[in-house]
Amino acid sequence: MATGVAAMATPVSGIPEVIRDGDTGFLAEEGNWESLAEALEKVLSDDELRIEVAQRGRQEILATHDVGNSAGELLRRIRSRGPK
């Protein structure tokens, strides 16, 4: 996702927190090859959708998993508490 490629995964563990089907990536049902085939067909047959989803996925990762952004957010939270 961080490289701007449309991500595809199954909704296990923390994946659905980052990949929202059709928004920031594509999800296929775990262990269901037909679901995977449908998701692949969707992503490979629609260039515009694939590019838009890939861009939103990259933005999501940079906003939520970038070390600089995360460190900056932590500092903002610490500073907002101020001295006691």
PDB file of N, CA and C in Angstrom:
ATOM      1  N   MET A   1       0.822  -1.188   0.000  1.00  0.00           N
ATOM      2  CA  MET A   1       0.000   0.000   0.000  1.00  0.00           C
ATOM      3  C   MET A   1       0.864   1.249   0.000  1.00  0.00           C
ATOM      4  N   ALA A   2       1.929   1.235   0.773  1.00  0.00           N
ATOM      5  CA  ALA A   2       2.786   2.412   0.882  1.00  0.00           C
ATOM      6  C   ALA A   2       3.445   2.772  -0.452  1.00  0.00           C
ATOM      7  N   THR A   3       3.581   1.807  -1.324  1.00  0.00           N
ATOM      8  CA  THR A   3       4.199   2.077  -2.623  1.00  0.00           C
ATOM      9  C   THR A   3       3.189   2.524  -3.671  1.00  0.00           C
ATOM     10  N   GLY A   4       1.910   2.566  -3.298  1.00  0.00           N
ATOM     11  CA  GLY A   4       0.886   3.008  -4.234  1.00  0.00           C
ATOM     12  C   GLY A   4       0.319   1.909  -5.096  1.00  0.00           C
ATOM     13  N   VAL A   5       0.461   0.664  -4.652  1.00  0.00           N
ATOM     14  CA  VAL A   5      -0.104  -0.474  -5.369  1.00  0.00           C
ATOM     15  C   VAL A   5      -1.384  -0.890  -4.652  1.00  0.00           C
ATOM     16  N   ALA A   6      -2.426  -1.178  -5.406  1.00  0.00           N
ATOM     17  CA  ALA A   6      -3.681  -1.606  -4.804  1.00  0.00           C
ATOM     18  C   ALA A   6      -3.460  -2.913  -4.053  1.00  0.00           C
ATOM     19  N   ALA A   7      -3.797  -2.913  -2.774  1.00  0.00           N
ATOM     20  CA  ALA A   7      -3.585  -4.088  -1.929  1.00  0.00           C
ATOM     21  C   ALA A   7      -4.805  -4.988  -1.951  1.00  0.00           C
ATOM     22  N   MET A   8      -4.544  -6.289  -1.833  1.00  0.00           N
ATOM     23  CA  MET A   8      -5.604  -7.272  -1.744  1.00  0.00           C
ATOM     24  C   MET A   8      -5.223  -8.243  -0.644  1.00  0.00           C
ATOM     25  N   ALA A   9      -6.184  -8.546   0.221  1.00  0.00           N
ATOM     26  CA  ALA A   9      -5.924  -9.438   1.342  1.00  0.00           C
ATOM     27  C   ALA A   9      -7.220 -10.085   1.794  1.00  0.00           C
ATOM     28  N   THR A  10      -7.116 -10.888   2.831  1.00  0.00           N
ATOM     29  CA  THR A  10      -8.299 -11.456   3.474  1.00  0.00           C
ATOM     30  C   THR A  10      -8.518 -10.714   4.787  1.00  0.00           C
ATOM     31  N   PRO A  11      -9.755 -10.635   5.256  1.00  0.00           N
ATOM     32  CA  PRO A  11     -10.050  -9.856   6.458  1.00  0.00           C
ATOM     33  C   PRO A  11      -9.724 -10.610   7.755  1.00  0.00           C
ATOM     34  N   VAL A  12      -8.453 -10.834   8.004  1.00  0.00           N
ATOM     35  CA  VAL A  12      -8.015 -11.511   9.221  1.00  0.00           C
ATOM     36  C   VAL A  12      -7.162 -10.562  10.055  1.00  0.00           C
ATOM     37  N   SER A  13      -7.084 -10.844  11.320  1.00  0.00           N
ATOM     38  CA  SER A  13      -6.270 -10.075  12.253  1.00  0.00           C
ATOM     39  C   SER A  13      -6.602  -8.586  12.132  1.00  0.00           C
ATOM     40  N   GLY A  14      -5.600  -7.732  11.969  1.00  0.00           N
ATOM     41  CA  GLY A  14      -5.824  -6.298  11.905  1.00  0.00           C
ATOM     42  C   GLY A  14      -5.994  -5.752  10.499  1.00  0.00           C
ATOM     43  N   ILE A  15      -6.021  -6.613   9.511  1.00  0.00           N
ATOM     44  CA  ILE A  15      -6.108  -6.173   8.109  1.00  0.00           C
ATOM     45  C   ILE A  15      -7.319  -5.268   7.844  1.00  0.00           C
ATOM     46  N   PRO A  16      -8.524  -5.614   8.297  1.00  0.00           N
ATOM     47  CA  PRO A  16      -9.678  -4.755   7.995  1.00  0.00           C
ATOM     48  C   PRO A  16      -9.597  -3.363   8.622  1.00  0.00           C
ATOM     49  N   GLU A  17      -8.710  -3.185   9.573  1.00  0.00           N
ATOM     50  CA  GLU A  17      -8.517  -1.847  10.144  1.00  0.00           C
ATOM     51  C   GLU A  17      -7.812  -0.925   9.160  1.00  0.00           C
ATOM     52  N   VAL A  18      -7.069  -1.505   8.231  1.00  0.00           N
ATOM     53  CA  VAL A  18      -6.313  -0.718   7.257  1.00  0.00           C
ATOM     54  C   VAL A  18      -6.919  -0.833   5.866  1.00  0.00           C
ATOM     55  N   ILE A  19      -7.265  -2.038   5.478  1.00  0.00           N
ATOM     56  CA  ILE A  19      -7.844  -2.255   4.150  1.00  0.00           C
ATOM     57  C   ILE A  19      -9.362  -2.310   4.281  1.00  0.00           C
ATOM     58  N   ARG A  20     -10.005  -1.280   3.738  1.00  0.00           N
ATOM     59  CA  ARG A  20     -11.462  -1.241   3.666  1.00  0.00           C
ATOM     60  C   ARG A  20     -11.827  -1.555   2.216  1.00  0.00           C
ATOM     61  N   ASP A  21     -12.592  -2.625   2.036  1.00  0.00           N
ATOM     62  CA  ASP A  21     -12.869  -3.151   0.708  1.00  0.00           C
ATOM     63  C   ASP A  21     -13.424  -2.089  -0.234  1.00  0.00           C
ATOM     64  N   GLY A  22     -12.729  -1.899  -1.345  1.00  0.00           N
ATOM     65  CA  GLY A  22     -13.150  -0.944  -2.360  1.00  0.00           C
ATOM     66  C   GLY A  22     -12.798   0.494  -2.039  1.00  0.00           C
ATOM     67  N   ASP A  23     -12.217   0.736  -0.863  1.00  0.00           N
ATOM     68  CA  ASP A  23     -11.840   2.090  -0.456  1.00  0.00           C
ATOM     69  C   ASP A  23     -10.323   2.237  -0.401  1.00  0.00           C
ATOM     70  N   THR A  24      -9.664   1.450   0.463  1.00  0.00           N
ATOM     71  CA  THR A  24      -8.210   1.526   0.587  1.00  0.00           C
ATOM     72  C   THR A  24      -7.534   0.249   0.098  1.00  0.00           C
ATOM     73  N   GLY A  25      -8.297  -0.664  -0.424  1.00  0.00           N
ATOM     74  CA  GLY A  25      -7.778  -1.934  -0.924  1.00  0.00           C
ATOM     75  C   GLY A  25      -8.941  -2.844  -1.252  1.00  0.00           C
ATOM     76  N   PHE A  26      -8.638  -4.111  -1.397  1.00  0.00           N
ATOM     77  CA  PHE A  26      -9.663  -5.081  -1.746  1.00  0.00           C
ATOM     78  C   PHE A  26      -9.550  -6.282  -0.821  1.00  0.00           C
ATOM     79  N   LEU A  27     -10.694  -6.766  -0.347  1.00  0.00           N
ATOM     80  CA  LEU A  27     -10.728  -7.920   0.539  1.00  0.00           C
ATOM     81  C   LEU A  27     -11.433  -9.080  -0.130  1.00  0.00           C
ATOM     82  N   ALA A  28     -10.895 -10.261   0.088  1.00  0.00           N
ATOM     83  CA  ALA A  28     -11.516 -11.496  -0.375  1.00  0.00           C
ATOM     84  C   ALA A  28     -11.752 -12.366   0.854  1.00  0.00           C
ATOM     85  N   GLU A  29     -12.800 -13.162   0.826  1.00  0.00           N
ATOM     86  CA  GLU A  29     -13.098 -14.046   1.952  1.00  0.00           C
ATOM     87  C   GLU A  29     -11.979 -15.066   2.127  1.00  0.00           C
ATOM     88  N   GLU A  30     -11.600 -15.270   3.367  1.00  0.00           N
ATOM     89  CA  GLU A  30     -10.543 -16.225   3.679  1.00  0.00           C
ATOM     90  C   GLU A  30     -10.951 -17.634   3.249  1.00  0.00           C
ATOM     91  N   GLY A  31     -10.059 -18.311   2.523  1.00  0.00           N
ATOM     92  CA  GLY A  31     -10.301 -19.687   2.104  1.00  0.00           C
ATOM     93  C   GLY A  31     -11.320 -19.850   1.000  1.00  0.00           C
ATOM     94  N   ASN A  32     -11.733 -18.759   0.364  1.00  0.00           N
ATOM     95  CA  ASN A  32     -12.758 -18.820  -0.674  1.00  0.00           C
ATOM     96  C   ASN A  32     -12.147 -18.366  -1.991  1.00  0.00           C
ATOM     97  N   TRP A  33     -11.783 -19.322  -2.832  1.00  0.00           N
ATOM     98  CA  TRP A  33     -11.114 -18.973  -4.082  1.00  0.00           C
ATOM     99  C   TRP A  33     -12.017 -18.187  -5.020  1.00  0.00           C
ATOM    100  N   GLU A  34     -13.345 -18.422  -4.955  1.00  0.00           N
ATOM    101  CA  GLU A  34     -14.265 -17.670  -5.816  1.00  0.00           C
ATOM    102  C   GLU A  34     -14.277 -16.192  -5.414  1.00  0.00           C
ATOM    103  N   SER A  35     -14.239 -15.929  -4.118  1.00  0.00           N
ATOM    104  CA  SER A  35     -14.178 -14.555  -3.631  1.00  0.00           C
ATOM    105  C   SER A  35     -12.883 -13.885  -4.088  1.00  0.00           C
ATOM    106  N   LEU A  36     -11.790 -14.635  -4.028  1.00  0.00           N
ATOM    107  CA  LEU A  36     -10.507 -14.104  -4.488  1.00  0.00           C
ATOM    108  C   LEU A  36     -10.555 -13.806  -5.984  1.00  0.00           C
ATOM    109  N   ALA A  37     -11.126 -14.721  -6.764  1.00  0.00           N
ATOM    110  CA  ALA A  37     -11.238 -14.513  -8.216  1.00  0.00           C
ATOM    111  C   ALA A  37     -12.085 -13.282  -8.529  1.00  0.00           C
ATOM    112  N   GLU A  38     -13.185 -13.100  -7.803  1.00  0.00           N
ATOM    113  CA  GLU A  38     -14.044 -11.924  -8.014  1.00  0.00           C
ATOM    114  C   GLU A  38     -13.297 -10.633  -7.678  1.00  0.00           C
ATOM    115  N   ALA A  39     -12.559 -10.638  -6.575  1.00  0.00           N
ATOM    116  CA  ALA A  39     -11.806  -9.447  -6.188  1.00  0.00           C
ATOM    117  C   ALA A  39     -10.715  -9.143  -7.209  1.00  0.00           C
ATOM    118  N   LEU A  40     -10.036 -10.175  -7.677  1.00  0.00           N
ATOM    119  CA  LEU A  40      -8.999  -9.978  -8.700  1.00  0.00           C
ATOM    120  C   LEU A  40      -9.597  -9.437  -9.994  1.00  0.00           C
ATOM    121  N   GLU A  41     -10.736  -9.984 -10.393  1.00  0.00           N
ATOM    122  CA  GLU A  41     -11.394  -9.501 -11.616  1.00  0.00           C
ATOM    123  C   GLU A  41     -11.759  -8.022 -11.473  1.00  0.00           C
ATOM    124  N   LYS A  42     -12.273  -7.664 -10.291  1.00  0.00           N
ATOM    125  CA  LYS A  42     -12.659  -6.272 -10.050  1.00  0.00           C
ATOM    126  C   LYS A  42     -11.448  -5.344 -10.163  1.00  0.00           C
ATOM    127  N   VAL A  43     -10.362  -5.706  -9.516  1.00  0.00           N
ATOM    128  CA  VAL A  43      -9.188  -4.830  -9.494  1.00  0.00           C
ATOM    129  C   VAL A  43      -8.472  -4.791 -10.849  1.00  0.00           C
ATOM    130  N   LEU A  44      -8.474  -5.886 -11.570  1.00  0.00           N
ATOM    131  CA  LEU A  44      -7.752  -5.927 -12.842  1.00  0.00           C
ATOM    132  C   LEU A  44      -8.563  -5.405 -14.027  1.00  0.00           C
ATOM    133  N   SER A  45      -9.881  -5.337 -13.884  1.00  0.00           N
ATOM    134  CA  SER A  45     -10.710  -4.925 -15.020  1.00  0.00           C
ATOM    135  C   SER A  45     -11.070  -3.439 -15.003  1.00  0.00           C
ATOM    136  N   ASP A  46     -10.759  -2.746 -13.930  1.00  0.00           N
ATOM    137  CA  ASP A  46     -11.144  -1.336 -13.817  1.00  0.00           C
ATOM    138  C   ASP A  46      -9.932  -0.501 -13.419  1.00  0.00           C
ATOM    139  N   ASP A  47      -9.241   0.019 -14.429  1.00  0.00           N
ATOM    140  CA  ASP A  47      -8.014   0.784 -14.173  1.00  0.00           C
ATOM    141  C   ASP A  47      -8.262   1.986 -13.274  1.00  0.00           C
ATOM    142  N   GLU A  48      -9.335   2.707 -13.518  1.00  0.00           N
ATOM    143  CA  GLU A  48      -9.629   3.911 -12.735  1.00  0.00           C
ATOM    144  C   GLU A  48      -9.858   3.555 -11.261  1.00  0.00           C
ATOM    145  N   LEU A  49     -10.648   2.529 -11.009  1.00  0.00           N
ATOM    146  CA  LEU A  49     -10.906   2.092  -9.636  1.00  0.00           C
ATOM    147  C   LEU A  49      -9.606   1.662  -8.966  1.00  0.00           C
ATOM    148  N   ARG A  50      -8.810   0.865  -9.673  1.00  0.00           N
ATOM    149  CA  ARG A  50      -7.543   0.371  -9.116  1.00  0.00           C
ATOM    150  C   ARG A  50      -6.631   1.524  -8.726  1.00  0.00           C
ATOM    151  N   ILE A  51      -6.516   2.522  -9.576  1.00  0.00           N
ATOM    152  CA  ILE A  51      -5.644   3.669  -9.298  1.00  0.00           C
ATOM    153  C   ILE A  51      -6.175   4.475  -8.121  1.00  0.00           C
ATOM    154  N   GLU A  52      -7.478   4.725  -8.095  1.00  0.00           N
ATOM    155  CA  GLU A  52      -8.064   5.505  -6.993  1.00  0.00           C
ATOM    156  C   GLU A  52      -7.903   4.785  -5.655  1.00  0.00           C
ATOM    157  N   VAL A  53      -8.176   3.489  -5.646  1.00  0.00           N
ATOM    158  CA  VAL A  53      -8.054   2.711  -4.409  1.00  0.00           C
ATOM    159  C   VAL A  53      -6.593   2.656  -3.970  1.00  0.00           C
ATOM    160  N   ALA A  54      -5.689   2.484  -4.915  1.00  0.00           N
ATOM    161  CA  ALA A  54      -4.260   2.455  -4.578  1.00  0.00           C
ATOM    162  C   ALA A  54      -3.819   3.784  -3.960  1.00  0.00           C
ATOM    163  N   GLN A  55      -4.296   4.883  -4.503  1.00  0.00           N
ATOM    164  CA  GLN A  55      -3.938   6.199  -3.959  1.00  0.00           C
ATOM    165  C   GLN A  55      -4.496   6.393  -2.547  1.00  0.00           C
ATOM    166  N   ARG A  56      -5.749   5.988  -2.337  1.00  0.00           N
ATOM    167  CA  ARG A  56      -6.332   6.102  -0.990  1.00  0.00           C
ATOM    168  C   ARG A  56      -5.625   5.180  -0.012  1.00  0.00           C
ATOM    169  N   GLY A  57      -5.236   4.002  -0.476  1.00  0.00           N
ATOM    170  CA  GLY A  57      -4.492   3.073   0.380  1.00  0.00           C
ATOM    171  C   GLY A  57      -3.157   3.649   0.791  1.00  0.00           C
ATOM    172  N   ARG A  58      -2.459   4.265  -0.150  1.00  0.00           N
ATOM    173  CA  ARG A  58      -1.166   4.892   0.167  1.00  0.00           C
ATOM    174  C   ARG A  58      -1.357   6.022   1.175  1.00  0.00           C
ATOM    175  N   GLN A  59      -2.366   6.853   0.966  1.00  0.00           N
ATOM    176  CA  GLN A  59      -2.638   7.945   1.905  1.00  0.00           C
ATOM    177  C   GLN A  59      -2.945   7.404   3.301  1.00  0.00           C
ATOM    178  N   GLU A  60      -3.708   6.323   3.362  1.00  0.00           N
ATOM    179  CA  GLU A  60      -4.058   5.702   4.654  1.00  0.00           C
ATOM    180  C   GLU A  60      -2.806   5.230   5.381  1.00  0.00           C
ATOM    181  N   ILE A  61      -1.941   4.541   4.685  1.00  0.00           N
ATOM    182  CA  ILE A  61      -0.716   4.022   5.307  1.00  0.00           C
ATOM    183  C   ILE A  61       0.191   5.156   5.753  1.00  0.00           C
ATOM    184  N   LEU A  62       0.372   6.153   4.907  1.00  0.00           N
ATOM    185  CA  LEU A  62       1.239   7.264   5.284  1.00  0.00           C
ATOM    186  C   LEU A  62       0.679   8.026   6.479  1.00  0.00           C
ATOM    187  N   ALA A  63      -0.638   8.115   6.568  1.00  0.00           N
ATOM    188  CA  ALA A  63      -1.250   8.838   7.684  1.00  0.00           C
ATOM    189  C   ALA A  63      -1.232   8.035   8.976  1.00  0.00           C
ATOM    190  N   THR A  64      -1.331   6.722   8.877  1.00  0.00           N
ATOM    191  CA  THR A  64      -1.473   5.915  10.089  1.00  0.00           C
ATOM    192  C   THR A  64      -0.247   5.103  10.473  1.00  0.00           C
ATOM    193  N   HIS A  65       0.661   4.883   9.549  1.00  0.00           N
ATOM    194  CA  HIS A  65       1.803   4.021   9.843  1.00  0.00           C
ATOM    195  C   HIS A  65       3.164   4.653   9.549  1.00  0.00           C
ATOM    196  N   ASP A  66       3.188   5.906   9.192  1.00  0.00           N
ATOM    197  CA  ASP A  66       4.441   6.592   8.934  1.00  0.00           C
ATOM    198  C   ASP A  66       5.095   6.968  10.264  1.00  0.00           C
ATOM    199  N   VAL A  67       6.360   6.629  10.437  1.00  0.00           N
ATOM    200  CA  VAL A  67       7.064   6.890  11.691  1.00  0.00           C
ATOM    201  C   VAL A  67       7.058   8.372  12.029  1.00  0.00           C
ATOM    202  N   GLY A  68       7.307   9.220  11.056  1.00  0.00           N
ATOM    203  CA  GLY A  68       7.316  10.663  11.308  1.00  0.00           C
ATOM    204  C   GLY A  68       5.965  11.170  11.770  1.00  0.00           C
ATOM    205  N   ASN A  69       4.910  10.733  11.093  1.00  0.00           N
ATOM    206  CA  ASN A  69       3.562  11.140  11.502  1.00  0.00           C
ATOM    207  C   ASN A  69       3.217  10.610  12.885  1.00  0.00           C
ATOM    208  N   SER A  70       3.553   9.361  13.146  1.00  0.00           N
ATOM    209  CA  SER A  70       3.246   8.761  14.445  1.00  0.00           C
ATOM    210  C   SER A  70       4.003   9.456  15.563  1.00  0.00           C
ATOM    211  N   ALA A  71       5.277   9.748  15.339  1.00  0.00           N
ATOM    212  CA  ALA A  71       6.078  10.442  16.353  1.00  0.00           C
ATOM    213  C   ALA A  71       5.533  11.850  16.585  1.00  0.00           C
ATOM    214  N   GLY A  72       5.157  12.519  15.506  1.00  0.00           N
ATOM    215  CA  GLY A  72       4.589  13.857  15.637  1.00  0.00           C
ATOM    216  C   GLY A  72       3.290  13.847  16.423  1.00  0.00           C
ATOM    217  N   GLU A  73       2.442  12.864  16.175  1.00  0.00           N
ATOM    218  CA  GLU A  73       1.180  12.741  16.906  1.00  0.00           C
ATOM    219  C   GLU A  73       1.433  12.463  18.381  1.00  0.00           C
ATOM    220  N   LEU A  74       2.393  11.613  18.674  1.00  0.00           N
ATOM    221  CA  LEU A  74       2.735  11.325  20.066  1.00  0.00           C
ATOM    222  C   LEU A  74       3.224  12.586  20.774  1.00  0.00           C
ATOM    223  N   LEU A  75       4.086  13.350  20.118  1.00  0.00           N
ATOM    224  CA  LEU A  75       4.569  14.603  20.712  1.00  0.00           C
ATOM    225  C   LEU A  75       3.426  15.587  20.945  1.00  0.00           C
ATOM    226  N   ARG A  76       2.512  15.692  19.991  1.00  0.00           N
ATOM    227  CA  ARG A  76       1.365  16.595  20.165  1.00  0.00           C
ATOM    228  C   ARG A  76       0.530  16.189  21.377  1.00  0.00           C
ATOM    229  N   ARG A  77       0.331  14.893  21.526  1.00  0.00           N
ATOM    230  CA  ARG A  77      -0.462  14.416  22.669  1.00  0.00           C
ATOM    231  C   ARG A  77       0.257  14.680  23.992  1.00  0.00           C
ATOM    232  N   ILE A  78       1.541  14.458  24.015  1.00  0.00           N
ATOM    233  CA  ILE A  78       2.318  14.698  25.243  1.00  0.00           C
ATOM    234  C   ILE A  78       2.281  16.181  25.587  1.00  0.00           C
ATOM    235  N   ARG A  79       2.502  17.016  24.585  1.00  0.00           N
ATOM    236  CA  ARG A  79       2.532  18.470  24.831  1.00  0.00           C
ATOM    237  C   ARG A  79       1.168  19.016  25.215  1.00  0.00           C
ATOM    238  N   SER A  80       0.098  18.407  24.702  1.00  0.00           N
ATOM    239  CA  SER A  80      -1.236  18.917  25.014  1.00  0.00           C
ATOM    240  C   SER A  80      -1.620  18.666  26.469  1.00  0.00           C
ATOM    241  N   ARG A  81      -0.959  17.729  27.094  1.00  0.00           N
ATOM    242  CA  ARG A  81      -1.239  17.459  28.508  1.00  0.00           C
ATOM    243  C   ARG A  81      -0.613  18.526  29.395  1.00  0.00           C
ATOM    244  N   GLY A  82       0.473  19.135  28.920  1.00  0.00           N
ATOM    245  CA  GLY A  82       1.136  20.229  29.646  1.00  0.00           C
ATOM    246  C   GLY A  82       1.630  19.813  31.027  1.00  0.00           C
ATOM    247  N   PRO A  83       2.361  20.723  31.667  1.00  0.00           N
ATOM    248  CA  PRO A  83       2.870  20.434  33.007  1.00  0.00           C
ATOM    249  C   PRO A  83       1.729  20.399  34.012  1.00  0.00           C
ATOM    250  N   LYS A  84       1.895  19.593  35.012  1.00  0.00           N
ATOM    251  CA  LYS A  84       0.848  19.458  36.045  1.00  0.00           C
ATOM    252  C   LYS A  84       1.233  20.193  37.306  1.00  0.00           C
TER     253      LYS A  84
END
